[in-house]
């Protein structure tokens, strides 16, 4: 029983381990979990700052609040870890594009 508990609590995303690493110099988006890499690509390829609804729609989901909220949470998490810039208007850009 103790071995099973140990295995579960030391899995990524459990027991205090971060699923999304802090962004550091020279880090590639390849270190991000599979569900976050397409989000980064959409924001990177956007003509300007992207909103959660645009990301949701670009990735084949709808624009209803329940469908968008998943992406808003992931975008905020990426911004908290230094992968994206989150503007006060709820828009997200890559760190190299903070002009907007």
N, C-alpha and C. Protein backbone atom coordinates (compact mmCIF):
# COMPACT_ATOMS: atom_id res chain seq x y z
N UNK A 1 0.82 -1.19 0.00
CA UNK A 1 0.00 0.00 0.00
C UNK A 1 0.86 1.25 0.00
N UNK A 2 1.93 1.30 0.79
CA UNK A 2 2.79 2.47 0.84
C UNK A 2 3.46 2.74 -0.50
N UNK A 3 3.86 1.69 -1.20
CA UNK A 3 4.50 1.86 -2.51
C UNK A 3 3.53 2.47 -3.50
N UNK A 4 2.27 2.06 -3.48
CA UNK A 4 1.26 2.63 -4.37
C UNK A 4 1.03 4.11 -4.05
N UNK A 5 0.94 4.46 -2.80
CA UNK A 5 0.76 5.85 -2.39
C UNK A 5 1.95 6.68 -2.84
N UNK A 6 3.14 6.18 -2.67
CA UNK A 6 4.35 6.88 -3.10
C UNK A 6 4.34 7.12 -4.60
N UNK A 7 3.95 6.12 -5.38
CA UNK A 7 3.93 6.26 -6.83
C UNK A 7 2.96 7.35 -7.27
N UNK A 8 1.80 7.40 -6.67
CA UNK A 8 0.78 8.37 -7.05
C UNK A 8 1.20 9.78 -6.67
N UNK A 9 1.72 9.98 -5.48
CA UNK A 9 2.02 11.33 -5.03
C UNK A 9 3.30 11.89 -5.63
N UNK A 10 4.10 11.08 -6.29
CA UNK A 10 5.30 11.61 -6.92
C UNK A 10 5.17 11.74 -8.43
N UNK A 11 3.96 11.51 -8.95
CA UNK A 11 3.73 11.67 -10.38
C UNK A 11 3.70 13.16 -10.72
N UNK A 12 4.10 13.54 -11.94
CA UNK A 12 4.04 14.96 -12.33
C UNK A 12 2.64 15.51 -12.15
N UNK A 13 2.56 16.68 -11.57
CA UNK A 13 1.27 17.32 -11.36
C UNK A 13 0.61 16.94 -10.05
N UNK A 14 1.20 16.03 -9.30
CA UNK A 14 0.63 15.60 -8.03
C UNK A 14 1.65 15.86 -6.92
N UNK A 15 1.16 16.01 -5.73
CA UNK A 15 2.05 16.15 -4.59
C UNK A 15 2.94 17.37 -4.65
N UNK A 16 2.50 18.44 -5.31
CA UNK A 16 3.27 19.67 -5.35
C UNK A 16 4.24 19.78 -6.52
N UNK A 17 4.35 18.77 -7.35
CA UNK A 17 5.24 18.86 -8.51
C UNK A 17 4.56 19.66 -9.60
N UNK A 18 5.32 20.48 -10.31
CA UNK A 18 4.77 21.31 -11.37
C UNK A 18 4.70 20.56 -12.69
N UNK A 19 3.55 20.64 -13.30
CA UNK A 19 3.36 20.06 -14.62
C UNK A 19 3.99 20.98 -15.68
N UNK A 20 3.88 22.29 -15.45
CA UNK A 20 4.43 23.30 -16.36
C UNK A 20 5.69 23.87 -15.72
N UNK A 21 6.84 23.65 -16.32
CA UNK A 21 8.07 24.19 -15.73
C UNK A 21 8.19 25.69 -15.97
N UNK A 22 8.93 26.36 -15.10
CA UNK A 22 9.24 27.77 -15.35
C UNK A 22 10.08 27.87 -16.61
N UNK A 23 9.80 28.88 -17.41
CA UNK A 23 10.55 29.10 -18.64
C UNK A 23 11.92 29.67 -18.30
N UNK A 24 12.93 29.11 -18.90
CA UNK A 24 14.28 29.59 -18.68
C UNK A 24 14.97 29.88 -20.00
N UNK A 25 16.12 30.50 -19.95
CA UNK A 25 16.85 30.83 -21.17
C UNK A 25 17.11 29.58 -22.02
N UNK A 26 16.81 29.68 -23.29
CA UNK A 26 17.08 28.61 -24.23
C UNK A 26 16.13 27.43 -24.16
N UNK A 27 15.09 27.52 -23.34
CA UNK A 27 14.14 26.40 -23.23
C UNK A 27 13.20 26.40 -24.43
N UNK A 28 12.92 25.21 -24.89
CA UNK A 28 12.01 25.01 -26.01
C UNK A 28 10.64 24.61 -25.48
N UNK A 29 9.61 24.87 -26.26
CA UNK A 29 8.26 24.46 -25.87
C UNK A 29 8.13 22.94 -25.86
N UNK A 30 9.13 22.23 -26.34
CA UNK A 30 9.11 20.77 -26.32
C UNK A 30 9.05 20.21 -24.90
N UNK A 31 9.46 21.00 -23.90
CA UNK A 31 9.42 20.54 -22.51
C UNK A 31 8.02 20.63 -21.92
N UNK A 32 7.12 21.32 -22.60
CA UNK A 32 5.75 21.47 -22.12
C UNK A 32 4.94 20.20 -22.39
N UNK A 33 3.95 19.92 -21.56
CA UNK A 33 3.07 18.77 -21.82
C UNK A 33 2.35 18.93 -23.16
N UNK A 34 1.94 17.82 -23.72
CA UNK A 34 1.31 17.82 -25.05
C UNK A 34 0.13 18.78 -25.16
N UNK A 35 -0.67 18.95 -24.15
CA UNK A 35 -1.83 19.82 -24.21
C UNK A 35 -1.50 21.30 -24.25
N UNK A 36 -0.27 21.66 -23.93
CA UNK A 36 0.14 23.05 -23.90
C UNK A 36 0.91 23.48 -25.15
N UNK A 37 1.54 22.54 -25.83
CA UNK A 37 2.31 22.88 -27.02
C UNK A 37 1.46 23.48 -28.13
N UNK A 38 0.26 22.94 -28.43
CA UNK A 38 -0.57 23.57 -29.47
C UNK A 38 -1.03 24.98 -29.08
N UNK A 39 -1.24 25.21 -27.80
CA UNK A 39 -1.63 26.55 -27.34
C UNK A 39 -0.50 27.53 -27.62
N UNK A 40 0.72 27.14 -27.30
CA UNK A 40 1.87 28.01 -27.57
C UNK A 40 2.00 28.30 -29.05
N UNK A 41 1.74 27.30 -29.89
CA UNK A 41 1.85 27.50 -31.34
C UNK A 41 0.81 28.50 -31.82
N UNK A 42 -0.41 28.40 -31.33
CA UNK A 42 -1.46 29.34 -31.73
C UNK A 42 -1.08 30.77 -31.34
N UNK A 43 -0.62 30.96 -30.12
CA UNK A 43 -0.25 32.30 -29.66
C UNK A 43 0.95 32.82 -30.45
N UNK A 44 1.91 31.96 -30.70
CA UNK A 44 3.11 32.36 -31.45
C UNK A 44 2.77 32.75 -32.89
N UNK A 45 1.85 32.00 -33.50
CA UNK A 45 1.49 32.26 -34.89
C UNK A 45 0.45 33.37 -35.07
N UNK A 46 -0.15 33.84 -33.98
CA UNK A 46 -1.19 34.87 -34.07
C UNK A 46 -0.59 36.18 -34.59
N UNK A 47 -1.41 36.91 -35.35
CA UNK A 47 -0.96 38.19 -35.90
C UNK A 47 -0.78 39.24 -34.81
N UNK A 48 -1.44 39.08 -33.70
CA UNK A 48 -1.34 40.01 -32.57
C UNK A 48 -1.63 39.27 -31.30
N UNK A 49 -1.92 39.99 -30.23
CA UNK A 49 -2.26 39.33 -28.97
C UNK A 49 -3.47 38.42 -29.13
N UNK A 50 -3.44 37.26 -28.51
CA UNK A 50 -4.51 36.27 -28.64
C UNK A 50 -5.33 36.23 -27.35
N UNK A 51 -6.63 36.01 -27.51
CA UNK A 51 -7.51 35.82 -26.37
C UNK A 51 -7.86 34.34 -26.27
N UNK A 52 -8.33 33.93 -25.11
CA UNK A 52 -8.64 32.52 -24.88
C UNK A 52 -9.66 31.99 -25.88
N UNK A 53 -10.64 32.78 -26.24
CA UNK A 53 -11.64 32.36 -27.21
C UNK A 53 -11.05 32.07 -28.58
N UNK A 54 -10.09 32.89 -28.99
CA UNK A 54 -9.42 32.66 -30.27
C UNK A 54 -8.61 31.38 -30.24
N UNK A 55 -7.94 31.12 -29.13
CA UNK A 55 -7.15 29.90 -28.99
C UNK A 55 -8.07 28.69 -29.02
N UNK A 56 -9.17 28.76 -28.28
CA UNK A 56 -10.13 27.67 -28.23
C UNK A 56 -10.66 27.35 -29.63
N UNK A 57 -11.03 28.38 -30.35
CA UNK A 57 -11.57 28.20 -31.69
C UNK A 57 -10.52 27.65 -32.65
N UNK A 58 -9.30 28.15 -32.56
CA UNK A 58 -8.22 27.69 -33.43
C UNK A 58 -7.89 26.22 -33.19
N UNK A 59 -8.14 25.74 -31.97
CA UNK A 59 -7.82 24.36 -31.65
C UNK A 59 -9.05 23.44 -31.76
N UNK A 60 -10.08 23.95 -32.43
CA UNK A 60 -11.23 23.11 -32.75
C UNK A 60 -12.29 23.01 -31.68
N UNK A 61 -12.22 23.83 -30.67
CA UNK A 61 -13.26 23.87 -29.63
C UNK A 61 -14.16 25.06 -29.92
N UNK A 62 -15.22 25.17 -29.18
CA UNK A 62 -16.15 26.27 -29.38
C UNK A 62 -15.75 27.52 -28.63
N UNK A 63 -16.64 28.50 -28.69
CA UNK A 63 -16.38 29.77 -28.01
C UNK A 63 -17.34 30.01 -26.85
N UNK A 64 -18.06 28.97 -26.43
CA UNK A 64 -18.92 29.09 -25.25
C UNK A 64 -18.04 29.16 -24.01
N UNK A 65 -18.50 29.85 -22.98
CA UNK A 65 -17.67 30.02 -21.78
C UNK A 65 -17.07 28.72 -21.23
N UNK A 66 -17.83 27.66 -21.18
CA UNK A 66 -17.32 26.39 -20.67
C UNK A 66 -16.22 25.79 -21.53
N UNK A 67 -16.25 26.07 -22.82
CA UNK A 67 -15.23 25.56 -23.74
C UNK A 67 -13.97 26.42 -23.69
N UNK A 68 -14.14 27.70 -23.47
CA UNK A 68 -13.01 28.64 -23.47
C UNK A 68 -12.25 28.61 -22.15
N UNK A 69 -12.95 28.34 -21.06
CA UNK A 69 -12.34 28.43 -19.74
C UNK A 69 -11.13 27.51 -19.58
N UNK A 70 -11.19 26.34 -20.19
CA UNK A 70 -10.05 25.41 -20.15
C UNK A 70 -8.79 26.08 -20.71
N UNK A 71 -8.96 26.78 -21.82
CA UNK A 71 -7.81 27.42 -22.45
C UNK A 71 -7.37 28.67 -21.70
N UNK A 72 -8.31 29.40 -21.13
CA UNK A 72 -7.96 30.57 -20.34
C UNK A 72 -7.09 30.15 -19.16
N UNK A 73 -7.46 29.08 -18.49
CA UNK A 73 -6.68 28.59 -17.35
C UNK A 73 -5.28 28.17 -17.78
N UNK A 74 -5.18 27.49 -18.91
CA UNK A 74 -3.87 27.05 -19.40
C UNK A 74 -3.02 28.24 -19.84
N UNK A 75 -3.63 29.22 -20.48
CA UNK A 75 -2.90 30.42 -20.89
C UNK A 75 -2.37 31.17 -19.66
N UNK A 76 -3.19 31.29 -18.64
CA UNK A 76 -2.74 31.97 -17.41
C UNK A 76 -1.60 31.20 -16.75
N UNK A 77 -1.70 29.88 -16.76
CA UNK A 77 -0.63 29.07 -16.17
C UNK A 77 0.68 29.26 -16.94
N UNK A 78 0.59 29.32 -18.26
CA UNK A 78 1.79 29.55 -19.08
C UNK A 78 2.37 30.94 -18.78
N UNK A 79 1.51 31.92 -18.58
CA UNK A 79 1.99 33.27 -18.25
C UNK A 79 2.64 33.29 -16.86
N UNK A 80 2.04 32.60 -15.90
CA UNK A 80 2.61 32.54 -14.55
C UNK A 80 4.00 31.91 -14.54
N UNK A 81 4.23 30.98 -15.45
CA UNK A 81 5.51 30.27 -15.51
C UNK A 81 6.52 30.95 -16.43
N UNK A 82 6.13 32.10 -17.02
CA UNK A 82 7.07 32.87 -17.84
C UNK A 82 7.11 32.51 -19.30
N UNK A 83 6.18 31.72 -19.78
CA UNK A 83 6.16 31.34 -21.20
C UNK A 83 5.45 32.38 -22.05
N UNK A 84 4.48 33.08 -21.48
CA UNK A 84 3.69 34.07 -22.19
C UNK A 84 3.59 35.34 -21.36
N UNK A 85 3.20 36.42 -22.03
CA UNK A 85 2.89 37.68 -21.36
C UNK A 85 1.38 37.82 -21.34
N UNK A 86 0.80 38.13 -20.18
CA UNK A 86 -0.64 38.30 -20.02
C UNK A 86 -0.92 39.78 -19.81
N UNK A 87 -1.59 40.40 -20.76
CA UNK A 87 -1.92 41.81 -20.62
C UNK A 87 -3.17 41.97 -19.77
N UNK A 88 -3.38 43.16 -19.20
CA UNK A 88 -4.57 43.38 -18.37
C UNK A 88 -5.88 43.14 -19.12
N UNK A 89 -5.90 43.26 -20.42
CA UNK A 89 -7.11 43.07 -21.20
C UNK A 89 -7.44 41.61 -21.49
N UNK A 90 -6.72 40.68 -20.87
CA UNK A 90 -6.98 39.26 -21.10
C UNK A 90 -6.42 38.74 -22.40
N UNK A 91 -5.39 39.41 -22.90
CA UNK A 91 -4.74 38.99 -24.14
C UNK A 91 -3.37 38.41 -23.79
N UNK A 92 -2.94 37.49 -24.63
CA UNK A 92 -1.67 36.80 -24.38
C UNK A 92 -0.76 36.92 -25.59
N UNK A 93 0.52 37.17 -25.32
CA UNK A 93 1.52 37.24 -26.39
C UNK A 93 2.75 36.47 -25.94
N UNK A 94 3.58 36.15 -26.92
CA UNK A 94 4.88 35.56 -26.57
C UNK A 94 5.72 36.64 -25.95
N UNK A 95 6.74 36.29 -25.24
CA UNK A 95 7.55 37.27 -24.54
C UNK A 95 8.28 38.22 -25.46
N UNK A 96 8.53 37.80 -26.68
CA UNK A 96 9.19 38.67 -27.63
C UNK A 96 8.28 39.71 -28.24
N UNK A 97 6.96 39.64 -27.96
CA UNK A 97 5.99 40.54 -28.56
C UNK A 97 5.14 41.21 -27.48
N UNK A 98 5.76 42.07 -26.68
CA UNK A 98 5.04 42.74 -25.60
C UNK A 98 4.56 44.13 -26.00
N UNK A 99 4.65 44.47 -27.25
CA UNK A 99 4.32 45.82 -27.69
C UNK A 99 2.82 46.10 -27.66
N UNK A 100 1.98 45.06 -27.63
CA UNK A 100 0.54 45.29 -27.73
C UNK A 100 -0.16 45.13 -26.42
